[in-house]
């Protein structure tokens, strides 16, 4: 498990990982071949759980006052309540 980000650069890396998981989830839902719909759902839940732990770490870092340029926010954060919390 990844430690808590201590600098804005580690937070930027965390945002990149969140963006990567967003893309993995989208690929899993739309293009990846599975034997059954249950297998697709299970794979999606695993990816979403990993993404959630990264989001919690990013929100925790923002709560501790670590900030970075908003242009590095993942697309899923832009225009959401999480983005408002991170930006403040």
Protein backbone atom coordinates (compact mmCIF):
# COMPACT_ATOMS: atom_id res chain seq x y z
CA UNK A 1 0.00 0.00 0.00
CA UNK A 2 1.18 3.44 -0.88
CA UNK A 3 2.09 5.88 1.89
CA UNK A 4 0.54 9.29 2.40
CA UNK A 5 1.74 11.87 -0.11
CA UNK A 6 4.11 14.37 1.49
CA UNK A 7 4.58 16.80 -1.39
CA UNK A 8 2.73 18.26 -4.33
CA UNK A 9 4.72 16.03 -6.68
CA UNK A 10 3.60 12.87 -4.93
CA UNK A 11 0.05 14.20 -5.07
CA UNK A 12 0.42 14.74 -8.84
CA UNK A 13 1.56 11.12 -9.17
CA UNK A 14 -1.47 10.05 -7.20
CA UNK A 15 -3.73 12.01 -9.55
CA UNK A 16 -2.07 10.29 -12.52
CA UNK A 17 -2.76 6.89 -10.96
CA UNK A 18 -6.41 7.83 -10.40
CA UNK A 19 -6.65 8.85 -14.06
CA UNK A 20 -5.09 5.54 -15.08
CA UNK A 21 -7.64 3.60 -13.03
CA UNK A 22 -10.45 5.67 -14.57
CA UNK A 23 -9.25 4.58 -18.01
CA UNK A 24 -8.85 0.95 -16.90
CA UNK A 25 -12.40 0.91 -15.55
CA UNK A 26 -13.77 2.40 -18.77
CA UNK A 27 -11.87 -0.16 -20.86
CA UNK A 28 -13.10 -2.99 -18.66
CA UNK A 29 -16.72 -1.86 -19.00
CA UNK A 30 -16.67 -1.20 -22.73
CA UNK A 31 -14.07 -3.25 -24.59
CA UNK A 32 -12.56 -6.09 -22.58
CA UNK A 33 -13.92 -9.57 -23.32
CA UNK A 34 -15.25 -11.63 -20.41
CA UNK A 35 -16.83 -15.07 -20.20
CA UNK A 36 -19.83 -13.73 -18.32
CA UNK A 37 -21.36 -10.51 -17.08
CA UNK A 38 -20.58 -11.60 -13.52
CA UNK A 39 -16.86 -11.74 -14.36
CA UNK A 40 -17.08 -8.24 -15.84
CA UNK A 41 -18.80 -6.94 -12.72
CA UNK A 42 -16.22 -8.56 -10.43
CA UNK A 43 -13.31 -7.09 -12.39
CA UNK A 44 -14.96 -3.65 -12.34
CA UNK A 45 -15.49 -3.81 -8.58
CA UNK A 46 -11.84 -4.72 -7.98
CA UNK A 47 -10.64 -1.79 -10.07
CA UNK A 48 -13.11 0.57 -8.40
CA UNK A 49 -11.95 -0.51 -4.93
CA UNK A 50 -8.32 0.22 -5.82
CA UNK A 51 -9.33 3.58 -7.26
CA UNK A 52 -11.29 4.46 -4.13
CA UNK A 53 -8.22 3.92 -1.93
CA UNK A 54 -6.26 6.30 -4.18
CA UNK A 55 -9.05 8.89 -4.05
CA UNK A 56 -9.13 8.71 -0.24
CA UNK A 57 -5.36 9.26 -0.11
CA UNK A 58 -5.67 12.26 -2.46
CA UNK A 59 -8.49 13.80 -0.44
CA UNK A 60 -6.54 13.21 2.77
CA UNK A 61 -3.50 14.96 1.29
CA UNK A 62 -5.65 17.89 0.18
CA UNK A 63 -7.13 18.04 3.67
CA UNK A 64 -3.63 18.28 5.13
CA UNK A 65 -2.94 21.32 2.97
CA UNK A 66 -0.93 19.77 0.14
CA UNK A 67 -1.94 21.48 -3.07
CA UNK A 68 -0.94 21.22 -6.70
CA UNK A 69 -2.02 22.88 -9.90
CA UNK A 70 -5.66 22.02 -10.76
CA UNK A 71 -4.62 21.19 -14.32
CA UNK A 72 -3.24 17.89 -12.96
CA UNK A 73 -6.61 16.75 -11.60
CA UNK A 74 -7.96 13.59 -13.23
CA UNK A 75 -10.93 14.10 -15.56
CA UNK A 76 -13.22 12.35 -13.10
CA UNK A 77 -12.43 15.00 -10.46
CA UNK A 78 -13.16 17.97 -12.69
CA UNK A 79 -16.60 19.41 -12.01
CA UNK A 80 -17.28 17.12 -9.04
CA UNK A 81 -17.60 17.61 -5.31
CA UNK A 82 -14.23 15.92 -4.83
CA UNK A 83 -12.61 18.58 -7.01
CA UNK A 84 -14.15 21.33 -4.90
CA UNK A 85 -12.78 19.72 -1.77
CA UNK A 86 -9.32 19.27 -3.30
CA UNK A 87 -9.20 22.83 -4.66
CA UNK A 88 -10.06 24.44 -1.32
